[in-house]
């Protein structure tokens, strides 16, 4: 499973909206949505912003 899909699954499980993550991370919603649906690659800066907003360890989404 891709990192984007793992993040999307986490958001769904926690009831966190992509809109909220987009606003907090300053990543445009269409860009975030495309990344979480494997339509574009999530770059390192975006990934870092997302995990900071979620207050999670990067390994939670990288290791499986």
PDB file of N, CA and C in Angstrom:
ATOM      1  N   UNK A   1       0.855  -1.182   0.000  1.00  0.00           N
ATOM      2  CA  UNK A   1       0.000   0.000   0.000  1.00  0.00           C
ATOM      3  C   UNK A   1       0.898   1.242   0.000  1.00  0.00           C
ATOM      4  N   UNK A   2       0.507   2.216  -0.769  1.00  0.00           N
ATOM      5  CA  UNK A   2       1.291   3.452  -0.881  1.00  0.00           C
ATOM      6  C   UNK A   2       1.161   4.309   0.384  1.00  0.00           C
ATOM      7  N   UNK A   3       2.100   5.213   0.551  1.00  0.00           N
ATOM      8  CA  UNK A   3       2.071   6.145   1.677  1.00  0.00           C
ATOM      9  C   UNK A   3       0.785   6.979   1.638  1.00  0.00           C
ATOM     10  N   UNK A   4       0.426   7.461   0.449  1.00  0.00           N
ATOM     11  CA  UNK A   4      -0.793   8.257   0.310  1.00  0.00           C
ATOM     12  C   UNK A   4      -2.026   7.497   0.756  1.00  0.00           C
ATOM     13  N   UNK A   5      -2.111   6.233   0.356  1.00  0.00           N
ATOM     14  CA  UNK A   5      -3.269   5.419   0.749  1.00  0.00           C
ATOM     15  C   UNK A   5      -3.271   5.152   2.244  1.00  0.00           C
ATOM     16  N   UNK A   6      -2.083   4.970   2.826  1.00  0.00           N
ATOM     17  CA  UNK A   6      -2.010   4.768   4.279  1.00  0.00           C
ATOM     18  C   UNK A   6      -2.492   6.012   5.019  1.00  0.00           C
ATOM     19  N   UNK A   7      -2.111   7.175   4.520  1.00  0.00           N
ATOM     20  CA  UNK A   7      -2.567   8.425   5.142  1.00  0.00           C
ATOM     21  C   UNK A   7      -4.078   8.563   4.983  1.00  0.00           C
ATOM     22  N   UNK A   8      -4.579   8.278   3.787  1.00  0.00           N
ATOM     23  CA  UNK A   8      -6.028   8.367   3.555  1.00  0.00           C
ATOM     24  C   UNK A   8      -6.793   7.439   4.494  1.00  0.00           C
ATOM     25  N   UNK A   9      -6.316   6.211   4.661  1.00  0.00           N
ATOM     26  CA  UNK A   9      -6.950   5.251   5.564  1.00  0.00           C
ATOM     27  C   UNK A   9      -6.927   5.760   7.000  1.00  0.00           C
ATOM     28  N   UNK A  10      -5.792   6.326   7.413  1.00  0.00           N
ATOM     29  CA  UNK A  10      -5.664   6.904   8.761  1.00  0.00           C
ATOM     30  C   UNK A  10      -6.694   8.018   8.965  1.00  0.00           C
ATOM     31  N   UNK A  11      -6.816   8.910   7.976  1.00  0.00           N
ATOM     32  CA  UNK A  11      -7.773  10.006   8.082  1.00  0.00           C
ATOM     33  C   UNK A  11      -9.193   9.473   8.228  1.00  0.00           C
ATOM     34  N   UNK A  12      -9.526   8.461   7.439  1.00  0.00           N
ATOM     35  CA  UNK A  12     -10.857   7.859   7.492  1.00  0.00           C
ATOM     36  C   UNK A  12     -11.114   7.243   8.865  1.00  0.00           C
ATOM     37  N   UNK A  13     -10.130   6.488   9.358  1.00  0.00           N
ATOM     38  CA  UNK A  13     -10.292   5.829  10.660  1.00  0.00           C
ATOM     39  C   UNK A  13     -10.447   6.826  11.796  1.00  0.00           C
ATOM     40  N   UNK A  14      -9.761   7.953  11.711  1.00  0.00           N
ATOM     41  CA  UNK A  14      -9.786   8.959  12.776  1.00  0.00           C
ATOM     42  C   UNK A  14     -10.880  10.012  12.568  1.00  0.00           C
ATOM     43  N   UNK A  15     -11.585   9.950  11.433  1.00  0.00           N
ATOM     44  CA  UNK A  15     -12.638  10.919  11.158  1.00  0.00           C
ATOM     45  C   UNK A  15     -12.102  12.310  10.860  1.00  0.00           C
ATOM     46  N   UNK A  16     -10.907  12.373  10.270  1.00  0.00           N
ATOM     47  CA  UNK A  16     -10.277  13.650   9.935  1.00  0.00           C
ATOM     48  C   UNK A  16     -10.517  13.936   8.460  1.00  0.00           C
ATOM     49  N   UNK A  17     -10.973  15.122   8.147  1.00  0.00           N
ATOM     50  CA  UNK A  17     -11.270  15.448   6.751  1.00  0.00           C
ATOM     51  C   UNK A  17     -10.023  15.892   5.992  1.00  0.00           C
ATOM     52  N   UNK A  18     -10.016  15.593   4.711  1.00  0.00           N
ATOM     53  CA  UNK A  18      -8.942  16.058   3.846  1.00  0.00           C
ATOM     54  C   UNK A  18      -8.931  17.581   3.793  1.00  0.00           C
ATOM     55  N   UNK A  19     -10.095  18.187   3.870  1.00  0.00           N
ATOM     56  CA  UNK A  19     -10.192  19.649   3.857  1.00  0.00           C
ATOM     57  C   UNK A  19      -9.441  20.238   5.045  1.00  0.00           C
ATOM     58  N   UNK A  20      -9.620  19.657   6.225  1.00  0.00           N
ATOM     59  CA  UNK A  20      -8.932  20.142   7.422  1.00  0.00           C
ATOM     60  C   UNK A  20      -7.417  19.995   7.266  1.00  0.00           C
ATOM     61  N   UNK A  21      -6.978  18.835   6.795  1.00  0.00           N
ATOM     62  CA  UNK A  21      -5.540  18.605   6.593  1.00  0.00           C
ATOM     63  C   UNK A  21      -4.998  19.598   5.571  1.00  0.00           C
ATOM     64  N   UNK A  22      -5.752  19.825   4.512  1.00  0.00           N
ATOM     65  CA  UNK A  22      -5.350  20.774   3.480  1.00  0.00           C
ATOM     66  C   UNK A  22      -5.160  22.170   4.061  1.00  0.00           C
ATOM     67  N   UNK A  23      -6.121  22.613   4.840  1.00  0.00           N
ATOM     68  CA  UNK A  23      -6.053  23.949   5.441  1.00  0.00           C
ATOM     69  C   UNK A  23      -4.877  24.065   6.415  1.00  0.00           C
ATOM     70  N   UNK A  24      -4.703  23.057   7.255  1.00  0.00           N
ATOM     71  CA  UNK A  24      -3.655  23.102   8.269  1.00  0.00           C
ATOM     72  C   UNK A  24      -2.256  22.981   7.674  1.00  0.00           C
ATOM     73  N   UNK A  25      -2.120  22.192   6.614  1.00  0.00           N
ATOM     74  CA  UNK A  25      -0.801  21.934   6.018  1.00  0.00           C
ATOM     75  C   UNK A  25      -0.459  22.904   4.895  1.00  0.00           C
ATOM     76  N   UNK A  26      -1.443  23.717   4.492  1.00  0.00           N
ATOM     77  CA  UNK A  26      -1.255  24.670   3.387  1.00  0.00           C
ATOM     78  C   UNK A  26      -0.989  23.965   2.055  1.00  0.00           C
ATOM     79  N   UNK A  27      -1.547  22.753   1.916  1.00  0.00           N
ATOM     80  CA  UNK A  27      -1.481  22.019   0.647  1.00  0.00           C
ATOM     81  C   UNK A  27      -2.854  22.150   0.000  1.00  0.00           C
ATOM     82  N   UNK A  28      -2.882  22.590  -1.240  1.00  0.00           N
ATOM     83  CA  UNK A  28      -4.165  22.762  -1.932  1.00  0.00           C
ATOM     84  C   UNK A  28      -4.940  21.444  -1.914  1.00  0.00           C
ATOM     85  N   UNK A  29      -6.242  21.530  -1.654  1.00  0.00           N
ATOM     86  CA  UNK A  29      -7.083  20.336  -1.542  1.00  0.00           C
ATOM     87  C   UNK A  29      -6.998  19.432  -2.768  1.00  0.00           C
ATOM     88  N   UNK A  30      -7.076  19.958  -3.997  1.00  0.00           N
ATOM     89  CA  UNK A  30      -6.986  19.051  -5.153  1.00  0.00           C
ATOM     90  C   UNK A  30      -5.644  18.304  -5.210  1.00  0.00           C
ATOM     91  N   UNK A  31      -4.592  18.984  -4.828  1.00  0.00           N
ATOM     92  CA  UNK A  31      -3.255  18.378  -4.808  1.00  0.00           C
ATOM     93  C   UNK A  31      -3.182  17.292  -3.735  1.00  0.00           C
ATOM     94  N   UNK A  32      -3.688  17.584  -2.543  1.00  0.00           N
ATOM     95  CA  UNK A  32      -3.708  16.616  -1.459  1.00  0.00           C
ATOM     96  C   UNK A  32      -4.542  15.404  -1.839  1.00  0.00           C
ATOM     97  N   UNK A  33      -5.722  15.646  -2.360  1.00  0.00           N
ATOM     98  CA  UNK A  33      -6.609  14.561  -2.749  1.00  0.00           C
ATOM     99  C   UNK A  33      -5.961  13.667  -3.809  1.00  0.00           C
ATOM    100  N   UNK A  34      -5.333  14.267  -4.792  1.00  0.00           N
ATOM    101  CA  UNK A  34      -4.659  13.480  -5.838  1.00  0.00           C
ATOM    102  C   UNK A  34      -3.550  12.628  -5.234  1.00  0.00           C
ATOM    103  N   UNK A  35      -2.815  13.179  -4.279  1.00  0.00           N
ATOM    104  CA  UNK A  35      -1.736  12.426  -3.631  1.00  0.00           C
ATOM    105  C   UNK A  35      -2.273  11.259  -2.814  1.00  0.00           C
ATOM    106  N   UNK A  36      -3.366  11.473  -2.116  1.00  0.00           N
ATOM    107  CA  UNK A  36      -3.930  10.427  -1.267  1.00  0.00           C
ATOM    108  C   UNK A  36      -4.661   9.361  -2.066  1.00  0.00           C
ATOM    109  N   UNK A  37      -4.921   9.648  -3.333  1.00  0.00           N
ATOM    110  CA  UNK A  37      -5.585   8.677  -4.212  1.00  0.00           C
ATOM    111  C   UNK A  37      -4.649   8.151  -5.299  1.00  0.00           C
ATOM    112  N   UNK A  38      -3.348   8.293  -5.071  1.00  0.00           N
ATOM    113  CA  UNK A  38      -2.313   7.774  -5.978  1.00  0.00           C
ATOM    114  C   UNK A  38      -2.399   8.317  -7.404  1.00  0.00           C
ATOM    115  N   UNK A  39      -2.882   9.531  -7.547  1.00  0.00           N
ATOM    116  CA  UNK A  39      -2.926  10.148  -8.874  1.00  0.00           C
ATOM    117  C   UNK A  39      -1.712  11.049  -9.094  1.00  0.00           C
ATOM    118  N   UNK A  40      -0.981  11.331  -8.014  1.00  0.00           N
ATOM    119  CA  UNK A  40       0.283  12.066  -8.090  1.00  0.00           C
ATOM    120  C   UNK A  40       1.138  11.635  -6.906  1.00  0.00           C
ATOM    121  N   UNK A  41       2.434  11.823  -7.054  1.00  0.00           N
ATOM    122  CA  UNK A  41       3.349  11.442  -5.969  1.00  0.00           C
ATOM    123  C   UNK A  41       3.341  12.508  -4.883  1.00  0.00           C
ATOM    124  N   UNK A  42       3.369  12.054  -3.663  1.00  0.00           N
ATOM    125  CA  UNK A  42       3.441  12.926  -2.499  1.00  0.00           C
ATOM    126  C   UNK A  42       4.909  13.281  -2.297  1.00  0.00           C
ATOM    127  N   UNK A  43       5.236  14.571  -2.347  1.00  0.00           N
ATOM    128  CA  UNK A  43       6.650  14.915  -2.177  1.00  0.00           C
ATOM    129  C   UNK A  43       7.008  14.993  -0.695  1.00  0.00           C
ATOM    130  N   UNK A  44       8.299  15.029  -0.415  1.00  0.00           N
ATOM    131  CA  UNK A  44       8.802  14.965   0.957  1.00  0.00           C
ATOM    132  C   UNK A  44       8.289  16.132   1.803  1.00  0.00           C
ATOM    133  N   UNK A  45       8.272  17.329   1.247  1.00  0.00           N
ATOM    134  CA  UNK A  45       7.805  18.484   1.998  1.00  0.00           C
ATOM    135  C   UNK A  45       6.327  18.349   2.363  1.00  0.00           C
ATOM    136  N   UNK A  46       5.528  17.868   1.418  1.00  0.00           N
ATOM    137  CA  UNK A  46       4.100  17.672   1.686  1.00  0.00           C
ATOM    138  C   UNK A  46       3.905  16.601   2.763  1.00  0.00           C
ATOM    139  N   UNK A  47       4.643  15.504   2.628  1.00  0.00           N
ATOM    140  CA  UNK A  47       4.553  14.427   3.611  1.00  0.00           C
ATOM    141  C   UNK A  47       4.909  14.956   4.999  1.00  0.00           C
ATOM    142  N   UNK A  48       5.974  15.719   5.081  1.00  0.00           N
ATOM    143  CA  UNK A  48       6.408  16.299   6.353  1.00  0.00           C
ATOM    144  C   UNK A  48       5.324  17.205   6.939  1.00  0.00           C
ATOM    145  N   UNK A  49       4.724  18.033   6.112  1.00  0.00           N
ATOM    146  CA  UNK A  49       3.646  18.921   6.572  1.00  0.00           C
ATOM    147  C   UNK A  49       2.466  18.120   7.107  1.00  0.00           C
ATOM    148  N   UNK A  50       2.109  17.070   6.401  1.00  0.00           N
ATOM    149  CA  UNK A  50       0.956  16.249   6.803  1.00  0.00           C
ATOM    150  C   UNK A  50       1.211  15.566   8.138  1.00  0.00           C
ATOM    151  N   UNK A  51       2.387  14.941   8.297  1.00  0.00           N
ATOM    152  CA  UNK A  51       2.635  14.244   9.563  1.00  0.00           C
ATOM    153  C   UNK A  51       2.756  15.221  10.728  1.00  0.00           C
ATOM    154  N   UNK A  52       3.242  16.434  10.449  1.00  0.00           N
ATOM    155  CA  UNK A  52       3.290  17.454  11.503  1.00  0.00           C
ATOM    156  C   UNK A  52       1.884  17.871  11.926  1.00  0.00           C
ATOM    157  N   UNK A  53       1.005  18.068  10.958  1.00  0.00           N
ATOM    158  CA  UNK A  53      -0.389  18.433  11.245  1.00  0.00           C
ATOM    159  C   UNK A  53      -1.084  17.321  12.031  1.00  0.00           C
ATOM    160  N   UNK A  54      -0.805  16.068  11.643  1.00  0.00           N
ATOM    161  CA  UNK A  54      -1.440  14.929  12.308  1.00  0.00           C
ATOM    162  C   UNK A  54      -0.755  14.569  13.623  1.00  0.00           C
ATOM    163  N   UNK A  55       0.418  15.167  13.864  1.00  0.00           N
ATOM    164  CA  UNK A  55       1.196  14.879  15.065  1.00  0.00           C
ATOM    165  C   UNK A  55       1.478  13.381  15.193  1.00  0.00           C
ATOM    166  N   UNK A  56       1.920  12.799  14.094  1.00  0.00           N
ATOM    167  CA  UNK A  56       2.240  11.370  14.040  1.00  0.00           C
ATOM    168  C   UNK A  56       3.681  11.188  13.606  1.00  0.00           C
ATOM    169  N   UNK A  57       4.239  10.035  13.931  1.00  0.00           N
ATOM    170  CA  UNK A  57       5.579   9.646  13.513  1.00  0.00           C
ATOM    171  C   UNK A  57       5.523   9.221  12.044  1.00  0.00           C
ATOM    172  N   UNK A  58       6.500   9.633  11.274  1.00  0.00           N
ATOM    173  CA  UNK A  58       6.554   9.289   9.846  1.00  0.00           C
ATOM    174  C   UNK A  58       6.528   7.781   9.644  1.00  0.00           C
ATOM    175  N   UNK A  59       7.157   7.033  10.548  1.00  0.00           N
ATOM    176  CA  UNK A  59       7.229   5.574  10.394  1.00  0.00           C
ATOM    177  C   UNK A  59       5.856   4.913  10.400  1.00  0.00           C
ATOM    178  N   UNK A  60       4.888   5.558  11.000  1.00  0.00           N
ATOM    179  CA  UNK A  60       3.524   5.003  11.021  1.00  0.00           C
ATOM    180  C   UNK A  60       2.997   4.805   9.604  1.00  0.00           C
ATOM    181  N   UNK A  61       3.429   5.680   8.687  1.00  0.00           N
ATOM    182  CA  UNK A  61       2.941   5.627   7.316  1.00  0.00           C
ATOM    183  C   UNK A  61       3.952   4.995   6.353  1.00  0.00           C
ATOM    184  N   UNK A  62       5.214   4.915   6.767  1.00  0.00           N
ATOM    185  CA  UNK A  62       6.253   4.373   5.898  1.00  0.00           C
ATOM    186  C   UNK A  62       6.443   2.883   6.058  1.00  0.00           C
ATOM    187  N   UNK A  63       6.305   2.380   7.255  1.00  0.00           N
ATOM    188  CA  UNK A  63       6.559   0.970   7.524  1.00  0.00           C
ATOM    189  C   UNK A  63       5.279   0.155   7.503  1.00  0.00           C
ATOM    190  N   UNK A  64       5.340  -0.947   6.805  1.00  0.00           N
ATOM    191  CA  UNK A  64       4.226  -1.919   6.819  1.00  0.00           C
ATOM    192  C   UNK A  64       4.695  -3.221   6.284  1.00  0.00           C
TER     193      UNK A  64
END
